[in-house]
Amino acid sequence: SQSRVPLPTPPPTPTLAPVPSPPAPTPQPGEGGCTEPSGPISIKLGGFTYTASCFGFAVAGSCQYKKVQAACPVTCGQCAAEASVGCADDSAYSLPTQLGQFTCEDWKQYECWEEVKPHCPSSCRVLGCV
């Protein structure tokens, strides 16, 4: 009989395996959507090459430049990275600093120290986390 209605094929469900937090691999362009490097990058602006983290470029007001927007789309607000497995901040974590005891929430307005990043990946804008 000709009355069979085609059913839409459901898209495959991606499997997110828990991944430990090793040093973040360099993302490949066009792979994984909205990502950016977590470490220092070099960008040529106006005949000079500047090296900083995406956060450093943002603090310096450089997100106005297309090259910085392309290299740092999450930090510069061009897109929102999807929080992946392992992006949750540790709400119990805190670290003494010269400015007092810092929680992950406190680190949001600063450039995180390397030792803080595994505990506060979202606040520290670790690769793929916002």
C-alpha atoms as a PDB file:
ATOM      1  CA  SER A   1       0.000   0.000   0.000  1.00  0.00           C
ATOM      2  CA  GLN A   2       1.081   3.574  -0.684  1.00  0.00           C
ATOM      3  CA  SER A   3      -0.126   5.016   2.665  1.00  0.00           C
ATOM      4  CA  ARG A   4       3.204   4.695   4.465  1.00  0.00           C
ATOM      5  CA  VAL A   5       4.220   8.047   5.894  1.00  0.00           C
ATOM      6  CA  PRO A   6       7.977   8.532   6.000  1.00  0.00           C
ATOM      7  CA  LEU A   7       9.150   9.228   9.519  1.00  0.00           C
ATOM      8  CA  PRO A   8      11.952  11.709  10.043  1.00  0.00           C
ATOM      9  CA  THR A   9      15.203  10.046  10.940  1.00  0.00           C
ATOM     10  CA  PRO A  10      16.300  11.294  14.359  1.00  0.00           C
ATOM     11  CA  PRO A  11      19.778  12.796  14.365  1.00  0.00           C
ATOM     12  CA  PRO A  12      22.417  10.644  16.041  1.00  0.00           C
ATOM     13  CA  THR A  13      22.822  11.476  19.705  1.00  0.00           C
ATOM     14  CA  PRO A  14      26.388  12.631  20.398  1.00  0.00           C
ATOM     15  CA  THR A  15      28.115  10.714  23.134  1.00  0.00           C
ATOM     16  CA  LEU A  16      29.987  12.936  25.564  1.00  0.00           C
ATOM     17  CA  ALA A  17      32.569  10.852  27.337  1.00  0.00           C
ATOM     18  CA  PRO A  18      34.005  12.351  30.518  1.00  0.00           C
ATOM     19  CA  VAL A  19      37.442  13.694  29.716  1.00  0.00           C
ATOM     20  CA  PRO A  20      40.137  14.519  32.269  1.00  0.00           C
ATOM     21  CA  SER A  21      41.602  18.020  32.006  1.00  0.00           C
ATOM     22  CA  PRO A  22      44.961  17.561  30.260  1.00  0.00           C
ATOM     23  CA  PRO A  23      46.519  20.597  28.595  1.00  0.00           C
ATOM     24  CA  ALA A  24      44.002  21.705  25.984  1.00  0.00           C
ATOM     25  CA  PRO A  25      44.891  20.642  22.443  1.00  0.00           C
ATOM     26  CA  THR A  26      45.133  23.356  19.819  1.00  0.00           C
ATOM     27  CA  PRO A  27      41.716  23.508  18.151  1.00  0.00           C
ATOM     28  CA  GLN A  28      41.605  22.897  14.432  1.00  0.00           C
ATOM     29  CA  PRO A  29      39.909  25.663  12.425  1.00  0.00           C
ATOM     30  CA  GLY A  30      36.312  24.864  11.636  1.00  0.00           C
ATOM     31  CA  GLU A  31      36.259  21.983  14.089  1.00  0.00           C
ATOM     32  CA  GLY A  32      33.977  21.994  17.108  1.00  0.00           C
ATOM     33  CA  GLY A  33      32.342  25.334  16.368  1.00  0.00           C
ATOM     34  CA  CYS A  34      33.023  28.105  18.847  1.00  0.00           C
ATOM     35  CA  THR A  35      36.468  27.576  20.380  1.00  0.00           C
ATOM     36  CA  GLU A  36      39.563  29.612  21.053  1.00  0.00           C
ATOM     37  CA  PRO A  37      43.038  28.985  22.479  1.00  0.00           C
ATOM     38  CA  SER A  38      43.405  29.190  26.249  1.00  0.00           C
ATOM     39  CA  GLY A  39      47.050  30.287  26.149  1.00  0.00           C
ATOM     40  CA  PRO A  40      48.905  33.194  24.568  1.00  0.00           C
ATOM     41  CA  ILE A  41      48.435  33.853  20.855  1.00  0.00           C
ATOM     42  CA  SER A  42      50.168  36.261  18.482  1.00  0.00           C
ATOM     43  CA  ILE A  43      48.121  38.601  16.303  1.00  0.00           C
ATOM     44  CA  LYS A  44      49.482  41.189  13.874  1.00  0.00           C
ATOM     45  CA  LEU A  45      47.698  44.531  14.220  1.00  0.00           C
ATOM     46  CA  GLY A  46      48.786  47.690  12.434  1.00  0.00           C
ATOM     47  CA  GLY A  47      52.240  46.389  11.520  1.00  0.00           C
ATOM     48  CA  PHE A  48      53.014  45.128  15.033  1.00  0.00           C
ATOM     49  CA  THR A  49      52.656  41.606  16.376  1.00  0.00           C
ATOM     50  CA  TYR A  50      51.090  41.392  19.820  1.00  0.00           C
ATOM     51  CA  THR A  51      51.153  38.278  21.998  1.00  0.00           C
ATOM     52  CA  ALA A  52      48.579  37.824  24.749  1.00  0.00           C
ATOM     53  CA  SER A  53      45.794  35.516  25.856  1.00  0.00           C
ATOM     54  CA  CYS A  54      42.317  36.215  24.486  1.00  0.00           C
ATOM     55  CA  PHE A  55      41.460  37.670  27.890  1.00  0.00           C
ATOM     56  CA  GLY A  56      44.494  39.963  27.614  1.00  0.00           C
ATOM     57  CA  PHE A  57      43.395  41.181  24.170  1.00  0.00           C
ATOM     58  CA  ALA A  58      39.880  41.809  25.533  1.00  0.00           C
ATOM     59  CA  VAL A  59      41.153  43.774  28.547  1.00  0.00           C
ATOM     60  CA  ALA A  60      43.269  45.898  26.187  1.00  0.00           C
ATOM     61  CA  GLY A  61      40.146  46.738  24.156  1.00  0.00           C
ATOM     62  CA  SER A  62      41.343  44.808  21.099  1.00  0.00           C
ATOM     63  CA  CYS A  63      38.072  42.910  20.491  1.00  0.00           C
ATOM     64  CA  GLN A  64      37.158  45.754  18.114  1.00  0.00           C
ATOM     65  CA  TYR A  65      39.593  44.272  15.555  1.00  0.00           C
ATOM     66  CA  LYS A  66      38.343  41.560  13.181  1.00  0.00           C
ATOM     67  CA  LYS A  67      41.560  39.523  13.578  1.00  0.00           C
ATOM     68  CA  VAL A  68      41.096  39.404  17.359  1.00  0.00           C
ATOM     69  CA  GLN A  69      37.387  38.580  16.999  1.00  0.00           C
ATOM     70  CA  ALA A  70      38.286  35.698  14.672  1.00  0.00           C
ATOM     71  CA  ALA A  71      40.972  34.340  17.012  1.00  0.00           C
ATOM     72  CA  CYS A  72      38.977  34.903  20.239  1.00  0.00           C
ATOM     73  CA  PRO A  73      35.289  34.511  19.327  1.00  0.00           C
ATOM     74  CA  VAL A  74      34.168  33.427  22.811  1.00  0.00           C
ATOM     75  CA  THR A  75      36.013  36.129  24.764  1.00  0.00           C
ATOM     76  CA  CYS A  76      35.052  38.834  22.249  1.00  0.00           C
ATOM     77  CA  GLY A  77      31.379  37.828  22.357  1.00  0.00           C
ATOM     78  CA  GLN A  78      31.156  36.649  18.745  1.00  0.00           C
ATOM     79  CA  CYS A  79      29.656  33.352  19.864  1.00  0.00           C
ATOM     80  CA  ALA A  80      29.002  31.414  23.038  1.00  0.00           C
ATOM     81  CA  ALA A  81      30.940  28.208  23.492  1.00  0.00           C
ATOM     82  CA  GLU A  82      28.810  25.328  24.612  1.00  0.00           C
ATOM     83  CA  ALA A  83      29.708  24.227  28.088  1.00  0.00           C
ATOM     84  CA  SER A  84      31.000  20.707  27.761  1.00  0.00           C
ATOM     85  CA  VAL A  85      31.558  17.944  30.252  1.00  0.00           C
ATOM     86  CA  GLY A  86      34.130  19.071  32.773  1.00  0.00           C
ATOM     87  CA  CYS A  87      33.311  22.794  32.587  1.00  0.00           C
ATOM     88  CA  ALA A  88      31.607  23.122  35.963  1.00  0.00           C
ATOM     89  CA  ASP A  89      33.430  25.305  38.470  1.00  0.00           C
ATOM     90  CA  ASP A  90      34.242  23.760  41.848  1.00  0.00           C
ATOM     91  CA  SER A  91      32.044  25.785  44.213  1.00  0.00           C
ATOM     92  CA  ALA A  92      34.135  24.695  47.214  1.00  0.00           C
ATOM     93  CA  TYR A  93      37.456  25.845  45.709  1.00  0.00           C
ATOM     94  CA  SER A  94      39.194  28.967  46.950  1.00  0.00           C
ATOM     95  CA  LEU A  95      42.768  30.195  46.876  1.00  0.00           C
ATOM     96  CA  PRO A  96      44.529  32.822  48.995  1.00  0.00           C
ATOM     97  CA  THR A  97      45.795  35.791  46.951  1.00  0.00           C
ATOM     98  CA  GLN A  98      47.206  39.218  47.808  1.00  0.00           C
ATOM     99  CA  LEU A  99      43.636  40.517  47.461  1.00  0.00           C
ATOM    100  CA  GLY A 100      42.155  37.918  49.805  1.00  0.00           C
ATOM    101  CA  GLN A 101      40.599  34.478  49.431  1.00  0.00           C
ATOM    102  CA  PHE A 102      39.441  34.029  45.803  1.00  0.00           C
ATOM    103  CA  THR A 103      36.644  31.686  44.711  1.00  0.00           C
ATOM    104  CA  CYS A 104      35.952  30.757  41.090  1.00  0.00           C
ATOM    105  CA  GLU A 105      33.396  33.580  40.948  1.00  0.00           C
ATOM    106  CA  ASP A 106      36.118  36.062  41.977  1.00  0.00           C
ATOM    107  CA  TRP A 107      38.445  34.851  39.198  1.00  0.00           C
ATOM    108  CA  LYS A 108      35.917  35.796  36.465  1.00  0.00           C
ATOM    109  CA  GLN A 109      37.236  39.361  36.381  1.00  0.00           C
ATOM    110  CA  TYR A 110      40.926  38.376  36.337  1.00  0.00           C
ATOM    111  CA  GLU A 111      43.251  36.267  34.242  1.00  0.00           C
ATOM    112  CA  CYS A 112      43.347  32.935  36.060  1.00  0.00           C
ATOM    113  CA  TRP A 113      46.569  31.434  37.292  1.00  0.00           C
ATOM    114  CA  GLU A 114      47.353  28.043  35.736  1.00  0.00           C
ATOM    115  CA  GLU A 115      46.727  26.280  39.069  1.00  0.00           C
ATOM    116  CA  VAL A 116      43.205  27.765  39.211  1.00  0.00           C
ATOM    117  CA  LYS A 117      42.064  26.686  35.714  1.00  0.00           C
ATOM    118  CA  PRO A 118      41.367  22.991  36.531  1.00  0.00           C
ATOM    119  CA  HIS A 119      39.151  24.059  39.461  1.00  0.00           C
ATOM    120  CA  CYS A 120      37.389  26.967  37.708  1.00  0.00           C
ATOM    121  CA  PRO A 121      37.228  26.113  33.971  1.00  0.00           C
ATOM    122  CA  SER A 122      34.066  28.122  33.362  1.00  0.00           C
ATOM    123  CA  SER A 123      35.164  31.239  35.257  1.00  0.00           C
ATOM    124  CA  CYS A 124      38.643  30.998  33.684  1.00  0.00           C
ATOM    125  CA  ARG A 125      37.220  30.589  30.175  1.00  0.00           C
ATOM    126  CA  VAL A 126      39.191  27.387  29.652  1.00  0.00           C
ATOM    127  CA  LEU A 127      38.965  26.168  26.051  1.00  0.00           C
ATOM    128  CA  GLY A 128      35.362  25.273  25.272  1.00  0.00           C
ATOM    129  CA  CYS A 129      33.988  26.516  28.600  1.00  0.00           C
ATOM    130  CA  VAL A 130      32.231  29.791  29.313  1.00  0.00           C
END
